[in-house]
Amino acid sequence: MTAQDPYQPHMQPPPPQAAPPVHGYAQPQYQHPYPMQPMQPVHPVWQPMAVPAPAMVDGFLLWFPRLKPIPSGPAIGSLVAGIAGIGGAIPGLFGAIFSPWAGLTFFMSAALFGIGSVSLAVYARRQIRAAQGGVSGKGVATTGLVLGLVACGLALITGLISLATA
């Protein structure tokens, strides 16, 4: 006896059998109002598409949800370091007039924060460009870059004033 595939359309269900009488009374034959259809597969077989999908893995189409871009940490760090560099350079300009040592101290802090801000901004802009929309903050990185350059310029002026008053 061979096994029959229940999904083949040419198969017909076995004919109904009469129920045996119960307690001497014959059971009425029930006729279904609709003839039974052969079983169809629940899920049709997926056929490969002619046009390749953007993300196919082992023949399955992957859909990725659109997510909100992540803010860039180095861009925010660049902005904070640029603000700190300018915040250190402005008192250094006034301190360098009265004490060259105070001016040199502020010069060092402003220069370190300015250089850190510029390097973080350059790294953040590369990170944002490479992420292709997954990371945001290009404007913040640009602002950090500008503030870092201004902090480096003010640090240079502070250092020159400190050396001139020494």
C-alpha atoms as a PDB file:
ATOM      1  CA  MET A   1       0.000   0.000   0.000  1.00  0.00           C
ATOM      2  CA  THR A   2       1.495   3.347  -0.992  1.00  0.00           C
ATOM      3  CA  ALA A   3       1.219   6.512   1.023  1.00  0.00           C
ATOM      4  CA  GLN A   4      -1.029   9.065  -0.623  1.00  0.00           C
ATOM      5  CA  ASP A   5      -0.315  12.775  -0.577  1.00  0.00           C
ATOM      6  CA  PRO A   6      -3.296  14.606   0.989  1.00  0.00           C
ATOM      7  CA  TYR A   7      -2.420  17.773  -0.923  1.00  0.00           C
ATOM      8  CA  GLN A   8      -2.969  16.354  -4.388  1.00  0.00           C
ATOM      9  CA  PRO A   9      -6.103  17.832  -6.019  1.00  0.00           C
ATOM     10  CA  HIS A  10      -7.189  14.576  -7.722  1.00  0.00           C
ATOM     11  CA  MET A  11      -7.723  12.870  -4.370  1.00  0.00           C
ATOM     12  CA  GLN A  12     -11.291  12.416  -3.170  1.00  0.00           C
ATOM     13  CA  PRO A  13     -12.288  11.786   0.431  1.00  0.00           C
ATOM     14  CA  PRO A  14     -13.381   8.234   1.262  1.00  0.00           C
ATOM     15  CA  PRO A  15     -17.112   7.602   0.861  1.00  0.00           C
ATOM     16  CA  PRO A  16     -19.132   8.043   4.041  1.00  0.00           C
ATOM     17  CA  GLN A  17     -20.112   4.880   5.845  1.00  0.00           C
ATOM     18  CA  ALA A  18     -23.495   4.296   7.354  1.00  0.00           C
ATOM     19  CA  ALA A  19     -23.579   4.540  11.118  1.00  0.00           C
ATOM     20  CA  PRO A  20     -24.655   1.390  12.928  1.00  0.00           C
ATOM     21  CA  PRO A  21     -28.090   1.567  14.533  1.00  0.00           C
ATOM     22  CA  VAL A  22     -28.169   2.561  18.170  1.00  0.00           C
ATOM     23  CA  HIS A  23     -30.672   0.713  20.438  1.00  0.00           C
ATOM     24  CA  GLY A  24     -32.516  -0.650  17.470  1.00  0.00           C
ATOM     25  CA  TYR A  25     -33.236   2.723  15.805  1.00  0.00           C
ATOM     26  CA  ALA A  26     -31.660   3.686  12.506  1.00  0.00           C
ATOM     27  CA  GLN A  27     -29.651   6.888  12.448  1.00  0.00           C
ATOM     28  CA  PRO A  28     -30.673   9.455   9.826  1.00  0.00           C
ATOM     29  CA  GLN A  29     -28.115  10.018   7.094  1.00  0.00           C
ATOM     30  CA  TYR A  30     -26.728  13.539   7.180  1.00  0.00           C
ATOM     31  CA  GLN A  31     -25.943  15.074   3.820  1.00  0.00           C
ATOM     32  CA  HIS A  32     -23.506  17.987   3.923  1.00  0.00           C
ATOM     33  CA  PRO A  33     -24.937  20.942   1.981  1.00  0.00           C
ATOM     34  CA  TYR A  34     -21.622  21.564   0.204  1.00  0.00           C
ATOM     35  CA  PRO A  35     -19.486  18.837  -1.320  1.00  0.00           C
ATOM     36  CA  MET A  36     -16.087  18.474   0.330  1.00  0.00           C
ATOM     37  CA  GLN A  37     -13.193  19.909  -1.594  1.00  0.00           C
ATOM     38  CA  PRO A  38      -9.751  18.334  -1.568  1.00  0.00           C
ATOM     39  CA  MET A  39      -7.369  19.903   0.941  1.00  0.00           C
ATOM     40  CA  GLN A  40      -5.232  22.706  -0.368  1.00  0.00           C
ATOM     41  CA  PRO A  41      -1.855  23.686   1.114  1.00  0.00           C
ATOM     42  CA  VAL A  42      -2.293  26.294   3.813  1.00  0.00           C
ATOM     43  CA  HIS A  43       0.707  28.329   2.676  1.00  0.00           C
ATOM     44  CA  PRO A  44       1.432  28.479  -1.040  1.00  0.00           C
ATOM     45  CA  VAL A  45       4.999  27.741  -2.055  1.00  0.00           C
ATOM     46  CA  TRP A  46       6.995  30.951  -2.498  1.00  0.00           C
ATOM     47  CA  GLN A  47       8.400  31.413  -5.966  1.00  0.00           C
ATOM     48  CA  PRO A  48      11.611  33.407  -6.375  1.00  0.00           C
ATOM     49  CA  MET A  49      11.106  36.905  -7.728  1.00  0.00           C
ATOM     50  CA  ALA A  50      12.614  38.020 -11.015  1.00  0.00           C
ATOM     51  CA  VAL A  51      13.935  41.251  -9.479  1.00  0.00           C
ATOM     52  CA  PRO A  52      16.379  40.740  -6.605  1.00  0.00           C
ATOM     53  CA  ALA A  53      15.127  42.160  -3.330  1.00  0.00           C
ATOM     54  CA  PRO A  54      17.309  44.600  -1.384  1.00  0.00           C
ATOM     55  CA  ALA A  55      17.837  42.173   1.516  1.00  0.00           C
ATOM     56  CA  MET A  56      17.592  38.479   0.708  1.00  0.00           C
ATOM     57  CA  VAL A  57      18.971  35.815   3.043  1.00  0.00           C
ATOM     58  CA  ASP A  58      18.646  32.159   2.031  1.00  0.00           C
ATOM     59  CA  GLY A  59      15.738  32.991  -0.257  1.00  0.00           C
ATOM     60  CA  PHE A  60      13.748  34.905   2.366  1.00  0.00           C
ATOM     61  CA  LEU A  61      12.984  38.592   2.040  1.00  0.00           C
ATOM     62  CA  LEU A  62      13.988  40.581   5.111  1.00  0.00           C
ATOM     63  CA  TRP A  63      12.208  43.787   6.015  1.00  0.00           C
ATOM     64  CA  PHE A  64      14.014  46.115   8.354  1.00  0.00           C
ATOM     65  CA  PRO A  65      11.948  48.721  10.209  1.00  0.00           C
ATOM     66  CA  ARG A  66      12.956  52.319   9.715  1.00  0.00           C
ATOM     67  CA  LEU A  67      14.452  53.482  12.973  1.00  0.00           C
ATOM     68  CA  LYS A  68      15.107  56.940  14.268  1.00  0.00           C
ATOM     69  CA  PRO A  69      18.789  57.880  13.762  1.00  0.00           C
ATOM     70  CA  ILE A  70      21.002  57.685  16.831  1.00  0.00           C
ATOM     71  CA  PRO A  71      22.635  60.976  17.884  1.00  0.00           C
ATOM     72  CA  SER A  72      26.405  60.896  17.523  1.00  0.00           C
ATOM     73  CA  GLY A  73      28.237  60.836  20.835  1.00  0.00           C
ATOM     74  CA  PRO A  74      31.498  62.235  19.459  1.00  0.00           C
ATOM     75  CA  ALA A  75      29.567  65.139  17.895  1.00  0.00           C
ATOM     76  CA  ILE A  76      28.045  66.028  21.258  1.00  0.00           C
ATOM     77  CA  GLY A  77      31.456  65.648  22.913  1.00  0.00           C
ATOM     78  CA  SER A  78      32.955  67.942  20.294  1.00  0.00           C
ATOM     79  CA  LEU A  79      30.338  70.606  21.023  1.00  0.00           C
ATOM     80  CA  VAL A  80      30.925  70.382  24.789  1.00  0.00           C
ATOM     81  CA  ALA A  81      34.716  70.487  24.369  1.00  0.00           C
ATOM     82  CA  GLY A  82      34.441  73.499  22.041  1.00  0.00           C
ATOM     83  CA  ILE A  83      32.303  75.383  24.579  1.00  0.00           C
ATOM     84  CA  ALA A  84      34.758  74.474  27.353  1.00  0.00           C
ATOM     85  CA  GLY A  85      37.687  75.621  25.198  1.00  0.00           C
ATOM     86  CA  ILE A  86      36.111  79.026  24.582  1.00  0.00           C
ATOM     87  CA  GLY A  87      35.104  79.194  28.252  1.00  0.00           C
ATOM     88  CA  GLY A  88      38.742  78.655  29.198  1.00  0.00           C
ATOM     89  CA  ALA A  89      40.202  81.033  26.614  1.00  0.00           C
ATOM     90  CA  ILE A  90      38.125  84.120  27.470  1.00  0.00           C
ATOM     91  CA  PRO A  91      39.230  84.341  31.128  1.00  0.00           C
ATOM     92  CA  GLY A  92      42.744  83.546  29.913  1.00  0.00           C
ATOM     93  CA  LEU A  93      42.742  86.670  27.754  1.00  0.00           C
ATOM     94  CA  PHE A  94      42.042  88.864  30.796  1.00  0.00           C
ATOM     95  CA  GLY A  95      44.284  86.821  33.098  1.00  0.00           C
ATOM     96  CA  ALA A  96      47.242  87.061  30.721  1.00  0.00           C
ATOM     97  CA  ILE A  97      47.241  90.851  31.035  1.00  0.00           C
ATOM     98  CA  PHE A  98      47.813  90.700  34.807  1.00  0.00           C
ATOM     99  CA  SER A  99      49.772  87.453  35.232  1.00  0.00           C
ATOM    100  CA  PRO A 100      51.611  85.549  32.521  1.00  0.00           C
ATOM    101  CA  TRP A 101      51.307  82.313  34.537  1.00  0.00           C
ATOM    102  CA  ALA A 102      47.544  82.576  34.692  1.00  0.00           C
ATOM    103  CA  GLY A 103      47.489  83.272  30.955  1.00  0.00           C
ATOM    104  CA  LEU A 104      49.642  80.209  30.226  1.00  0.00           C
ATOM    105  CA  THR A 105      47.406  78.042  32.418  1.00  0.00           C
ATOM    106  CA  PHE A 106      44.298  79.135  30.549  1.00  0.00           C
ATOM    107  CA  PHE A 107      46.215  78.853  27.270  1.00  0.00           C
ATOM    108  CA  MET A 108      46.922  75.165  27.968  1.00  0.00           C
ATOM    109  CA  SER A 109      43.351  74.344  28.948  1.00  0.00           C
ATOM    110  CA  ALA A 110      41.855  76.209  25.978  1.00  0.00           C
ATOM    111  CA  ALA A 111      44.339  74.603  23.570  1.00  0.00           C
ATOM    112  CA  LEU A 112      43.666  71.094  24.890  1.00  0.00           C
ATOM    113  CA  PHE A 113      39.895  71.525  24.743  1.00  0.00           C
ATOM    114  CA  GLY A 114      40.123  73.148  21.285  1.00  0.00           C
ATOM    115  CA  ILE A 115      42.294  70.387  19.830  1.00  0.00           C
ATOM    116  CA  GLY A 116      40.040  67.756  21.417  1.00  0.00           C
ATOM    117  CA  SER A 117      36.961  69.433  19.988  1.00  0.00           C
ATOM    118  CA  VAL A 118      38.419  69.576  16.476  1.00  0.00           C
ATOM    119  CA  SER A 119      39.528  65.937  16.536  1.00  0.00           C
ATOM    120  CA  LEU A 120      36.157  64.736  17.903  1.00  0.00           C
ATOM    121  CA  ALA A 121      34.304  66.778  15.277  1.00  0.00           C
ATOM    122  CA  VAL A 122      36.342  65.280  12.436  1.00  0.00           C
ATOM    123  CA  TYR A 123      35.761  61.769  13.810  1.00  0.00           C
ATOM    124  CA  ALA A 124      32.024  62.435  14.258  1.00  0.00           C
ATOM    125  CA  ARG A 125      31.603  63.729  10.708  1.00  0.00           C
ATOM    126  CA  ARG A 126      33.297  60.588   9.333  1.00  0.00           C
ATOM    127  CA  GLN A 127      31.112  58.409  11.565  1.00  0.00           C
ATOM    128  CA  ILE A 128      27.926  60.152  10.393  1.00  0.00           C
ATOM    129  CA  ARG A 129      28.937  59.877   6.726  1.00  0.00           C
ATOM    130  CA  ALA A 130      29.754  56.156   7.079  1.00  0.00           C
ATOM    131  CA  ALA A 131      26.474  55.348   8.892  1.00  0.00           C
ATOM    132  CA  GLN A 132      24.372  56.435   5.878  1.00  0.00           C
ATOM    133  CA  GLY A 133      21.496  57.838   7.907  1.00  0.00           C
ATOM    134  CA  GLY A 134      21.803  55.622  10.981  1.00  0.00           C
ATOM    135  CA  VAL A 135      23.604  58.299  13.011  1.00  0.00           C
ATOM    136  CA  SER A 136      22.570  61.957  13.177  1.00  0.00           C
ATOM    137  CA  GLY A 137      24.325  65.102  14.374  1.00  0.00           C
ATOM    138  CA  LYS A 138      26.128  66.580  11.384  1.00  0.00           C
ATOM    139  CA  GLY A 139      25.182  70.118  12.447  1.00  0.00           C
ATOM    140  CA  VAL A 140      26.316  69.488  16.019  1.00  0.00           C
ATOM    141  CA  ALA A 141      29.653  68.157  14.730  1.00  0.00           C
ATOM    142  CA  THR A 142      30.095  71.182  12.477  1.00  0.00           C
ATOM    143  CA  THR A 143      29.324  73.517  15.369  1.00  0.00           C
ATOM    144  CA  GLY A 144      31.849  71.651  17.543  1.00  0.00           C
ATOM    145  CA  LEU A 145      34.440  71.976  14.784  1.00  0.00           C
ATOM    146  CA  VAL A 146      33.922  75.732  14.499  1.00  0.00           C
ATOM    147  CA  LEU A 147      33.964  76.222  18.280  1.00  0.00           C
ATOM    148  CA  GLY A 148      37.129  74.113  18.529  1.00  0.00           C
ATOM    149  CA  LEU A 149      38.861  76.208  15.877  1.00  0.00           C
ATOM    150  CA  VAL A 150      37.777  79.430  17.640  1.00  0.00           C
ATOM    151  CA  ALA A 151      39.031  77.992  20.961  1.00  0.00           C
ATOM    152  CA  CYS A 152      42.403  77.172  19.366  1.00  0.00           C
ATOM    153  CA  GLY A 153      42.617  80.687  17.926  1.00  0.00           C
ATOM    154  CA  LEU A 154      41.760  82.301  21.282  1.00  0.00           C
ATOM    155  CA  ALA A 155      44.282  80.007  22.993  1.00  0.00           C
ATOM    156  CA  LEU A 156      46.953  81.164  20.544  1.00  0.00           C
ATOM    157  CA  ILE A 157      46.115  84.805  21.249  1.00  0.00           C
ATOM    158  CA  THR A 158      46.170  84.095  25.002  1.00  0.00           C
ATOM    159  CA  GLY A 159      49.586  82.433  24.688  1.00  0.00           C
ATOM    160  CA  LEU A 160      50.986  85.352  22.695  1.00  0.00           C
ATOM    161  CA  ILE A 161      49.682  87.875  25.246  1.00  0.00           C
ATOM    162  CA  SER A 162      51.175  85.805  28.110  1.00  0.00           C
ATOM    163  CA  LEU A 163      54.571  85.666  26.405  1.00  0.00           C
ATOM    164  CA  ALA A 164      54.453  89.397  25.641  1.00  0.00           C
ATOM    165  CA  THR A 165      53.741  90.358  29.282  1.00  0.00           C
ATOM    166  CA  ALA A 166      56.357  87.992  30.735  1.00  0.00           C
END
